[in-house]
Amino acid sequence: MLTYNRLSRRERSLKAFSGLGIKEFEFLYDELLPIWKQRFNRKDRIRKVGGGRKSDLVSFYDELLLVLFFYRNYCAYEIIGYLFDLDIY
């Protein structure tokens, strides 16, 4: 399974998959994490926090890696599901 922890051990691999080095990835993570957490405090929520389908990705690091990988490669959802060990059905 493709994870940030695994790729961050080799900066060259992280850069190949995401287009960013470790410092750049960490900077982007620090910038986006508050925005990502803000989505739980919206007043127009339909479901309560914790409702709905649970994410198979463990951390925001992995979610960010998935998004960057997709935008860098524009590959099929089947490939992303396989690499990130996600069930798309």
PDB file of N, CA and C in Angstrom:
ATOM      1  N   MET A   1       0.834  -1.179   0.000  1.00  0.00           N
ATOM      2  CA  MET A   1       0.000   0.000   0.000  1.00  0.00           C
ATOM      3  C   MET A   1       0.882   1.246   0.000  1.00  0.00           C
ATOM      4  N   LEU A   2       0.466   2.219  -0.742  1.00  0.00           N
ATOM      5  CA  LEU A   2       1.210   3.463  -0.875  1.00  0.00           C
ATOM      6  C   LEU A   2       0.802   4.409   0.247  1.00  0.00           C
ATOM      7  N   THR A   3       1.760   4.777   1.100  1.00  0.00           N
ATOM      8  CA  THR A   3       1.477   5.690   2.210  1.00  0.00           C
ATOM      9  C   THR A   3       2.563   6.764   2.269  1.00  0.00           C
ATOM     10  N   TYR A   4       2.231   7.856   2.943  1.00  0.00           N
ATOM     11  CA  TYR A   4       3.205   8.924   3.111  1.00  0.00           C
ATOM     12  C   TYR A   4       4.403   8.444   3.930  1.00  0.00           C
ATOM     13  N   ASN A   5       4.145   7.709   4.998  1.00  0.00           N
ATOM     14  CA  ASN A   5       5.245   7.217   5.838  1.00  0.00           C
ATOM     15  C   ASN A   5       6.227   6.383   5.033  1.00  0.00           C
ATOM     16  N   ARG A   6       5.707   5.577   4.140  1.00  0.00           N
ATOM     17  CA  ARG A   6       6.575   4.726   3.327  1.00  0.00           C
ATOM     18  C   ARG A   6       7.367   5.548   2.311  1.00  0.00           C
ATOM     19  N   LEU A   7       6.698   6.492   1.651  1.00  0.00           N
ATOM     20  CA  LEU A   7       7.376   7.288   0.623  1.00  0.00           C
ATOM     21  C   LEU A   7       8.315   8.338   1.205  1.00  0.00           C
ATOM     22  N   SER A   8       8.021   8.823   2.401  1.00  0.00           N
ATOM     23  CA  SER A   8       8.861   9.883   2.972  1.00  0.00           C
ATOM     24  C   SER A   8      10.237   9.377   3.385  1.00  0.00           C
ATOM     25  N   ARG A   9      10.409   8.075   3.433  1.00  0.00           N
ATOM     26  CA  ARG A   9      11.741   7.523   3.731  1.00  0.00           C
ATOM     27  C   ARG A   9      12.705   7.742   2.570  1.00  0.00           C
ATOM     28  N   ARG A  10      12.126   7.897   1.373  1.00  0.00           N
ATOM     29  CA  ARG A  10      12.930   8.148   0.176  1.00  0.00           C
ATOM     30  C   ARG A  10      12.370   9.383  -0.525  1.00  0.00           C
ATOM     31  N   GLU A  11      13.017  10.491  -0.361  1.00  0.00           N
ATOM     32  CA  GLU A  11      12.507  11.744  -0.912  1.00  0.00           C
ATOM     33  C   GLU A  11      12.338  11.666  -2.425  1.00  0.00           C
ATOM     34  N   ARG A  12      13.211  10.957  -3.079  1.00  0.00           N
ATOM     35  CA  ARG A  12      13.113  10.826  -4.536  1.00  0.00           C
ATOM     36  C   ARG A  12      11.806  10.136  -4.938  1.00  0.00           C
ATOM     37  N   SER A  13      11.412   9.115  -4.189  1.00  0.00           N
ATOM     38  CA  SER A  13      10.157   8.422  -4.475  1.00  0.00           C
ATOM     39  C   SER A  13       8.957   9.325  -4.206  1.00  0.00           C
ATOM     40  N   LEU A  14       9.002  10.059  -3.100  1.00  0.00           N
ATOM     41  CA  LEU A  14       7.913  10.975  -2.776  1.00  0.00           C
ATOM     42  C   LEU A  14       7.759  12.018  -3.876  1.00  0.00           C
ATOM     43  N   LYS A  15       8.881  12.529  -4.355  1.00  0.00           N
ATOM     44  CA  LYS A  15       8.837  13.534  -5.406  1.00  0.00           C
ATOM     45  C   LYS A  15       8.309  12.943  -6.717  1.00  0.00           C
ATOM     46  N   ALA A  16       8.641  11.704  -7.000  1.00  0.00           N
ATOM     47  CA  ALA A  16       8.152  11.059  -8.221  1.00  0.00           C
ATOM     48  C   ALA A  16       6.639  10.851  -8.182  1.00  0.00           C
ATOM     49  N   PHE A  17       6.106  10.519  -7.014  1.00  0.00           N
ATOM     50  CA  PHE A  17       4.678  10.252  -6.900  1.00  0.00           C
ATOM     51  C   PHE A  17       3.844  11.516  -6.703  1.00  0.00           C
ATOM     52  N   SER A  18       4.366  12.491  -5.968  1.00  0.00           N
ATOM     53  CA  SER A  18       3.550  13.662  -5.629  1.00  0.00           C
ATOM     54  C   SER A  18       3.999  14.947  -6.312  1.00  0.00           C
ATOM     55  N   GLY A  19       5.241  14.982  -6.771  1.00  0.00           N
ATOM     56  CA  GLY A  19       5.769  16.203  -7.357  1.00  0.00           C
ATOM     57  C   GLY A  19       6.386  17.141  -6.336  1.00  0.00           C
ATOM     58  N   LEU A  20       6.366  16.741  -5.059  1.00  0.00           N
ATOM     59  CA  LEU A  20       6.892  17.582  -3.985  1.00  0.00           C
ATOM     60  C   LEU A  20       7.944  16.835  -3.179  1.00  0.00           C
ATOM     61  N   GLY A  21       8.927  17.580  -2.686  1.00  0.00           N
ATOM     62  CA  GLY A  21       9.883  17.026  -1.750  1.00  0.00           C
ATOM     63  C   GLY A  21       9.272  16.988  -0.352  1.00  0.00           C
ATOM     64  N   ILE A  22      10.011  16.468   0.608  1.00  0.00           N
ATOM     65  CA  ILE A  22       9.489  16.316   1.968  1.00  0.00           C
ATOM     66  C   ILE A  22       9.158  17.671   2.593  1.00  0.00           C
ATOM     67  N   LYS A  23      10.053  18.646   2.484  1.00  0.00           N
ATOM     68  CA  LYS A  23       9.797  19.963   3.076  1.00  0.00           C
ATOM     69  C   LYS A  23       8.585  20.635   2.438  1.00  0.00           C
ATOM     70  N   GLU A  24       8.479  20.528   1.113  1.00  0.00           N
ATOM     71  CA  GLU A  24       7.339  21.131   0.412  1.00  0.00           C
ATOM     72  C   GLU A  24       6.032  20.445   0.797  1.00  0.00           C
ATOM     73  N   PHE A  25       6.082  19.116   0.912  1.00  0.00           N
ATOM     74  CA  PHE A  25       4.895  18.356   1.302  1.00  0.00           C
ATOM     75  C   PHE A  25       4.461  18.745   2.714  1.00  0.00           C
ATOM     76  N   GLU A  26       5.421  18.826   3.626  1.00  0.00           N
ATOM     77  CA  GLU A  26       5.117  19.205   5.008  1.00  0.00           C
ATOM     78  C   GLU A  26       4.535  20.624   5.083  1.00  0.00           C
ATOM     79  N   PHE A  27       5.069  21.543   4.288  1.00  0.00           N
ATOM     80  CA  PHE A  27       4.545  22.907   4.258  1.00  0.00           C
ATOM     81  C   PHE A  27       3.095  22.914   3.783  1.00  0.00           C
ATOM     82  N   LEU A  28       2.818  22.183   2.704  1.00  0.00           N
ATOM     83  CA  LEU A  28       1.456  22.104   2.182  1.00  0.00           C
ATOM     84  C   LEU A  28       0.522  21.448   3.185  1.00  0.00           C
ATOM     85  N   TYR A  29       1.002  20.422   3.849  1.00  0.00           N
ATOM     86  CA  TYR A  29       0.213  19.750   4.895  1.00  0.00           C
ATOM     87  C   TYR A  29      -0.151  20.734   6.007  1.00  0.00           C
ATOM     88  N   ASP A  30       0.831  21.483   6.475  1.00  0.00           N
ATOM     89  CA  ASP A  30       0.589  22.454   7.553  1.00  0.00           C
ATOM     90  C   ASP A  30      -0.393  23.547   7.126  1.00  0.00           C
ATOM     91  N   GLU A  31      -0.360  23.932   5.863  1.00  0.00           N
ATOM     92  CA  GLU A  31      -1.269  24.958   5.357  1.00  0.00           C
ATOM     93  C   GLU A  31      -2.699  24.432   5.206  1.00  0.00           C
ATOM     94  N   LEU A  32      -2.847  23.175   4.782  1.00  0.00           N
ATOM     95  CA  LEU A  32      -4.169  22.633   4.474  1.00  0.00           C
ATOM     96  C   LEU A  32      -4.860  21.947   5.650  1.00  0.00           C
ATOM     97  N   LEU A  33      -4.118  21.519   6.649  1.00  0.00           N
ATOM     98  CA  LEU A  33      -4.728  20.804   7.768  1.00  0.00           C
ATOM     99  C   LEU A  33      -5.813  21.610   8.479  1.00  0.00           C
ATOM    100  N   PRO A  34      -5.601  22.893   8.792  1.00  0.00           N
ATOM    101  CA  PRO A  34      -6.688  23.655   9.438  1.00  0.00           C
ATOM    102  C   PRO A  34      -7.946  23.755   8.560  1.00  0.00           C
ATOM    103  N   ILE A  35      -7.756  23.886   7.268  1.00  0.00           N
ATOM    104  CA  ILE A  35      -8.893  23.949   6.350  1.00  0.00           C
ATOM    105  C   ILE A  35      -9.627  22.618   6.331  1.00  0.00           C
ATOM    106  N   TRP A  36      -8.877  21.520   6.332  1.00  0.00           N
ATOM    107  CA  TRP A  36      -9.461  20.176   6.332  1.00  0.00           C
ATOM    108  C   TRP A  36     -10.257  19.937   7.616  1.00  0.00           C
ATOM    109  N   LYS A  37      -9.733  20.406   8.758  1.00  0.00           N
ATOM    110  CA  LYS A  37     -10.435  20.230  10.029  1.00  0.00           C
ATOM    111  C   LYS A  37     -11.673  21.117  10.123  1.00  0.00           C
ATOM    112  N   GLN A  38     -11.642  22.236   9.425  1.00  0.00           N
ATOM    113  CA  GLN A  38     -12.760  23.181   9.453  1.00  0.00           C
ATOM    114  C   GLN A  38     -14.040  22.572   8.896  1.00  0.00           C
ATOM    115  N   ARG A  39     -13.924  21.589   8.032  1.00  0.00           N
ATOM    116  CA  ARG A  39     -15.112  21.005   7.414  1.00  0.00           C
ATOM    117  C   ARG A  39     -16.024  20.334   8.432  1.00  0.00           C
ATOM    118  N   PHE A  40     -15.498  19.985   9.598  1.00  0.00           N
ATOM    119  CA  PHE A  40     -16.312  19.350  10.634  1.00  0.00           C
ATOM    120  C   PHE A  40     -17.177  20.356  11.381  1.00  0.00           C
ATOM    121  N   ASN A  41     -16.875  21.643  11.275  1.00  0.00           N
ATOM    122  CA  ASN A  41     -17.577  22.676  12.047  1.00  0.00           C
ATOM    123  C   ASN A  41     -18.549  23.500  11.212  1.00  0.00           C
ATOM    124  N   ARG A  42     -18.882  23.041  10.017  1.00  0.00           N
ATOM    125  CA  ARG A  42     -19.808  23.788   9.170  1.00  0.00           C
ATOM    126  C   ARG A  42     -21.204  23.805   9.778  1.00  0.00           C
ATOM    127  N   LYS A  43     -21.900  24.897   9.612  1.00  0.00           N
ATOM    128  CA  LYS A  43     -23.262  25.005  10.146  1.00  0.00           C
ATOM    129  C   LYS A  43     -24.284  24.339   9.240  1.00  0.00           C
ATOM    130  N   ASP A  44     -23.941  24.137   7.974  1.00  0.00           N
ATOM    131  CA  ASP A  44     -24.887  23.547   7.030  1.00  0.00           C
ATOM    132  C   ASP A  44     -24.697  22.036   6.854  1.00  0.00           C
ATOM    133  N   ARG A  45     -24.138  21.385   7.868  1.00  0.00           N
ATOM    134  CA  ARG A  45     -23.924  19.936   7.806  1.00  0.00           C
ATOM    135  C   ARG A  45     -25.260  19.208   7.717  1.00  0.00           C
ATOM    136  N   ILE A  46     -25.303  18.157   6.930  1.00  0.00           N
ATOM    137  CA  ILE A  46     -26.492  17.310   6.845  1.00  0.00           C
ATOM    138  C   ILE A  46     -26.381  16.170   7.853  1.00  0.00           C
ATOM    139  N   ARG A  47     -25.197  15.574   7.929  1.00  0.00           N
ATOM    140  CA  ARG A  47     -24.960  14.480   8.873  1.00  0.00           C
ATOM    141  C   ARG A  47     -24.159  14.988  10.066  1.00  0.00           C
ATOM    142  N   LYS A  48     -24.314  14.301  11.175  1.00  0.00           N
ATOM    143  CA  LYS A  48     -23.491  14.623  12.347  1.00  0.00           C
ATOM    144  C   LYS A  48     -22.064  14.143  12.103  1.00  0.00           C
ATOM    145  N   VAL A  49     -21.118  14.698  12.849  1.00  0.00           N
ATOM    146  CA  VAL A  49     -19.730  14.266  12.743  1.00  0.00           C
ATOM    147  C   VAL A  49     -19.661  12.783  13.068  1.00  0.00           C
ATOM    148  N   GLY A  50     -18.994  12.027  12.204  1.00  0.00           N
ATOM    149  CA  GLY A  50     -18.895  10.579  12.387  1.00  0.00           C
ATOM    150  C   GLY A  50     -19.910   9.818  11.565  1.00  0.00           C
ATOM    151  N   GLY A  51     -20.874  10.511  10.977  1.00  0.00           N
ATOM    152  CA  GLY A  51     -21.865   9.858  10.134  1.00  0.00           C
ATOM    153  C   GLY A  51     -21.326   9.639   8.735  1.00  0.00           C
ATOM    154  N   GLY A  52     -21.903   8.717   8.020  1.00  0.00           N
ATOM    155  CA  GLY A  52     -21.481   8.453   6.649  1.00  0.00           C
ATOM    156  C   GLY A  52     -20.387   7.411   6.572  1.00  0.00           C
ATOM    157  N   ARG A  53     -19.896   7.224   5.367  1.00  0.00           N
ATOM    158  CA  ARG A  53     -18.874   6.207   5.120  1.00  0.00           C
ATOM    159  C   ARG A  53     -17.545   6.629   5.739  1.00  0.00           C
ATOM    160  N   LYS A  54     -16.874   5.684   6.362  1.00  0.00           N
ATOM    161  CA  LYS A  54     -15.570   5.934   6.979  1.00  0.00           C
ATOM    162  C   LYS A  54     -14.472   5.866   5.916  1.00  0.00           C
ATOM    163  N   SER A  55     -13.481   6.699   6.063  1.00  0.00           N
ATOM    164  CA  SER A  55     -12.358   6.713   5.137  1.00  0.00           C
ATOM    165  C   SER A  55     -11.448   5.524   5.397  1.00  0.00           C
ATOM    166  N   ASP A  56     -10.975   4.909   4.330  1.00  0.00           N
ATOM    167  CA  ASP A  56     -10.010   3.825   4.466  1.00  0.00           C
ATOM    168  C   ASP A  56      -8.594   4.352   4.673  1.00  0.00           C
ATOM    169  N   LEU A  57      -8.382   5.618   4.353  1.00  0.00           N
ATOM    170  CA  LEU A  57      -7.074   6.219   4.554  1.00  0.00           C
ATOM    171  C   LEU A  57      -6.941   6.650   6.005  1.00  0.00           C
ATOM    172  N   VAL A  58      -5.826   6.314   6.601  1.00  0.00           N
ATOM    173  CA  VAL A  58      -5.633   6.501   8.034  1.00  0.00           C
ATOM    174  C   VAL A  58      -5.427   7.957   8.422  1.00  0.00           C
ATOM    175  N   SER A  59      -4.700   8.709   7.614  1.00  0.00           N
ATOM    176  CA  SER A  59      -4.331  10.059   8.025  1.00  0.00           C
ATOM    177  C   SER A  59      -4.540  11.069   6.905  1.00  0.00           C
ATOM    178  N   PHE A  60      -4.505  12.329   7.288  1.00  0.00           N
ATOM    179  CA  PHE A  60      -4.591  13.394   6.292  1.00  0.00           C
ATOM    180  C   PHE A  60      -3.361  13.390   5.395  1.00  0.00           C
ATOM    181  N   TYR A  61      -2.223  12.934   5.907  1.00  0.00           N
ATOM    182  CA  TYR A  61      -1.022  12.801   5.069  1.00  0.00           C
ATOM    183  C   TYR A  61      -1.328  11.928   3.853  1.00  0.00           C
ATOM    184  N   ASP A  62      -1.984  10.792   4.100  1.00  0.00           N
ATOM    185  CA  ASP A  62      -2.290   9.868   3.015  1.00  0.00           C
ATOM    186  C   ASP A  62      -3.354  10.430   2.077  1.00  0.00           C
ATOM    187  N   GLU A  63      -4.323  11.153   2.621  1.00  0.00           N
ATOM    188  CA  GLU A  63      -5.340  11.775   1.766  1.00  0.00           C
ATOM    189  C   GLU A  63      -4.712  12.823   0.862  1.00  0.00           C
ATOM    190  N   LEU A  64      -3.814  13.619   1.409  1.00  0.00           N
ATOM    191  CA  LEU A  64      -3.125  14.629   0.617  1.00  0.00           C
ATOM    192  C   LEU A  64      -2.249  13.969  -0.447  1.00  0.00           C
ATOM    193  N   LEU A  65      -1.559  12.916  -0.090  1.00  0.00           N
ATOM    194  CA  LEU A  65      -0.735  12.179  -1.052  1.00  0.00           C
ATOM    195  C   LEU A  65      -1.592  11.645  -2.191  1.00  0.00           C
ATOM    196  N   LEU A  66      -2.760  11.097  -1.889  1.00  0.00           N
ATOM    197  CA  LEU A  66      -3.652  10.579  -2.916  1.00  0.00           C
ATOM    198  C   LEU A  66      -4.063  11.689  -3.883  1.00  0.00           C
ATOM    199  N   VAL A  67      -4.435  12.843  -3.364  1.00  0.00           N
ATOM    200  CA  VAL A  67      -4.857  13.958  -4.222  1.00  0.00           C
ATOM    201  C   VAL A  67      -3.707  14.425  -5.102  1.00  0.00           C
ATOM    202  N   LEU A  68      -2.530  14.587  -4.516  1.00  0.00           N
ATOM    203  CA  LEU A  68      -1.376  15.037  -5.296  1.00  0.00           C
ATOM    204  C   LEU A  68      -0.992  14.004  -6.347  1.00  0.00           C
ATOM    205  N   PHE A  69      -1.053  12.723  -5.995  1.00  0.00           N
ATOM    206  CA  PHE A  69      -0.750  11.654  -6.946  1.00  0.00           C
ATOM    207  C   PHE A  69      -1.738  11.698  -8.115  1.00  0.00           C
ATOM    208  N   PHE A  70      -3.019  11.864  -7.805  1.00  0.00           N
ATOM    209  CA  PHE A  70      -4.031  11.899  -8.859  1.00  0.00           C
ATOM    210  C   PHE A  70      -3.811  13.074  -9.799  1.00  0.00           C
ATOM    211  N   TYR A  71      -3.600  14.269  -9.249  1.00  0.00           N
ATOM    212  CA  TYR A  71      -3.417  15.448 -10.097  1.00  0.00           C
ATOM    213  C   TYR A  71      -2.106  15.399 -10.884  1.00  0.00           C
ATOM    214  N   ARG A  72      -1.118  14.727 -10.365  1.00  0.00           N
ATOM    215  CA  ARG A  72       0.148  14.613 -11.085  1.00  0.00           C
ATOM    216  C   ARG A  72       0.057  13.614 -12.231  1.00  0.00           C
ATOM    217  N   ASN A  73      -0.701  12.512 -12.024  1.00  0.00           N
ATOM    218  CA  ASN A  73      -0.705  11.416 -12.993  1.00  0.00           C
ATOM    219  C   ASN A  73      -1.997  11.242 -13.786  1.00  0.00           C
ATOM    220  N   TYR A  74      -3.113  11.762 -13.274  1.00  0.00           N
ATOM    221  CA  TYR A  74      -4.415  11.600 -13.926  1.00  0.00           C
ATOM    222  C   TYR A  74      -4.650  10.170 -14.387  1.00  0.00           C
ATOM    223  N   CYS A  75      -4.504   9.236 -13.476  1.00  0.00           N
ATOM    224  CA  CYS A  75      -4.703   7.841 -13.832  1.00  0.00           C
ATOM    225  C   CYS A  75      -6.115   7.392 -13.441  1.00  0.00           C
ATOM    226  N   ALA A  76      -6.465   6.191 -13.880  1.00  0.00           N
ATOM    227  CA  ALA A  76      -7.806   5.654 -13.632  1.00  0.00           C
ATOM    228  C   ALA A  76      -8.014   5.394 -12.142  1.00  0.00           C
ATOM    229  N   TYR A  77      -9.280   5.451 -11.718  1.00  0.00           N
ATOM    230  CA  TYR A  77      -9.618   5.213 -10.316  1.00  0.00           C
ATOM    231  C   TYR A  77      -9.235   3.801  -9.880  1.00  0.00           C
ATOM    232  N   GLU A  78      -9.278   2.867 -10.798  1.00  0.00           N
ATOM    233  CA  GLU A  78      -8.877   1.487 -10.483  1.00  0.00           C
ATOM    234  C   GLU A  78      -7.423   1.437 -10.022  1.00  0.00           C
ATOM    235  N   ILE A  79      -6.577   2.186 -10.683  1.00  0.00           N
ATOM    236  CA  ILE A  79      -5.152   2.208 -10.334  1.00  0.00           C
ATOM    237  C   ILE A  79      -4.957   2.842  -8.960  1.00  0.00           C
ATOM    238  N   ILE A  80      -5.642   3.950  -8.710  1.00  0.00           N
ATOM    239  CA  ILE A  80      -5.543   4.606  -7.408  1.00  0.00           C
ATOM    240  C   ILE A  80      -6.049   3.676  -6.310  1.00  0.00           C
ATOM    241  N   GLY A  81      -7.170   3.010  -6.555  1.00  0.00           N
ATOM    242  CA  GLY A  81      -7.708   2.065  -5.579  1.00  0.00           C
ATOM    243  C   GLY A  81      -6.726   0.957  -5.267  1.00  0.00           C
ATOM    244  N   TYR A  82      -6.050   0.461  -6.287  1.00  0.00           N
ATOM    245  CA  TYR A  82      -5.075  -0.602  -6.082  1.00  0.00           C
ATOM    246  C   TYR A  82      -3.854  -0.103  -5.308  1.00  0.00           C
ATOM    247  N   LEU A  83      -3.313   1.036  -5.689  1.00  0.00           N
ATOM    248  CA  LEU A  83      -2.102   1.553  -5.051  1.00  0.00           C
ATOM    249  C   LEU A  83      -2.324   1.974  -3.610  1.00  0.00           C
ATOM    250  N   PHE A  84      -3.506   2.544  -3.310  1.00  0.00           N
ATOM    251  CA  PHE A  84      -3.780   3.043  -1.975  1.00  0.00           C
ATOM    252  C   PHE A  84      -4.630   2.055  -1.170  1.00  0.00           C
ATOM    253  N   ASP A  85      -4.841   0.867  -1.703  1.00  0.00           N
ATOM    254  CA  ASP A  85      -5.597  -0.197  -1.043  1.00  0.00           C
ATOM    255  C   ASP A  85      -6.996   0.285  -0.650  1.00  0.00           C
ATOM    256  N   LEU A  86      -7.713   0.860  -1.619  1.00  0.00           N
ATOM    257  CA  LEU A  86      -9.044   1.377  -1.393  1.00  0.00           C
ATOM    258  C   LEU A  86     -10.055   0.563  -2.194  1.00  0.00           C
ATOM    259  N   ASP A  87     -11.220   0.372  -1.620  1.00  0.00           N
ATOM    260  CA  ASP A  87     -12.305  -0.286  -2.324  1.00  0.00           C
ATOM    261  C   ASP A  87     -13.176   0.803  -2.920  1.00  0.00           C
ATOM    262  N   ILE A  88     -13.239   0.871  -4.247  1.00  0.00           N
ATOM    263  CA  ILE A  88     -13.967   1.957  -4.878  1.00  0.00           C
ATOM    264  C   ILE A  88     -15.421   1.624  -5.131  1.00  0.00           C
ATOM    265  N   TYR A  89     -15.846   0.435  -4.760  1.00  0.00           N
ATOM    266  CA  TYR A  89     -17.246   0.045  -4.996  1.00  0.00           C
ATOM    267  C   TYR A  89     -18.041   0.038  -3.721  1.00  0.00           C
TER     268      TYR A  89
END
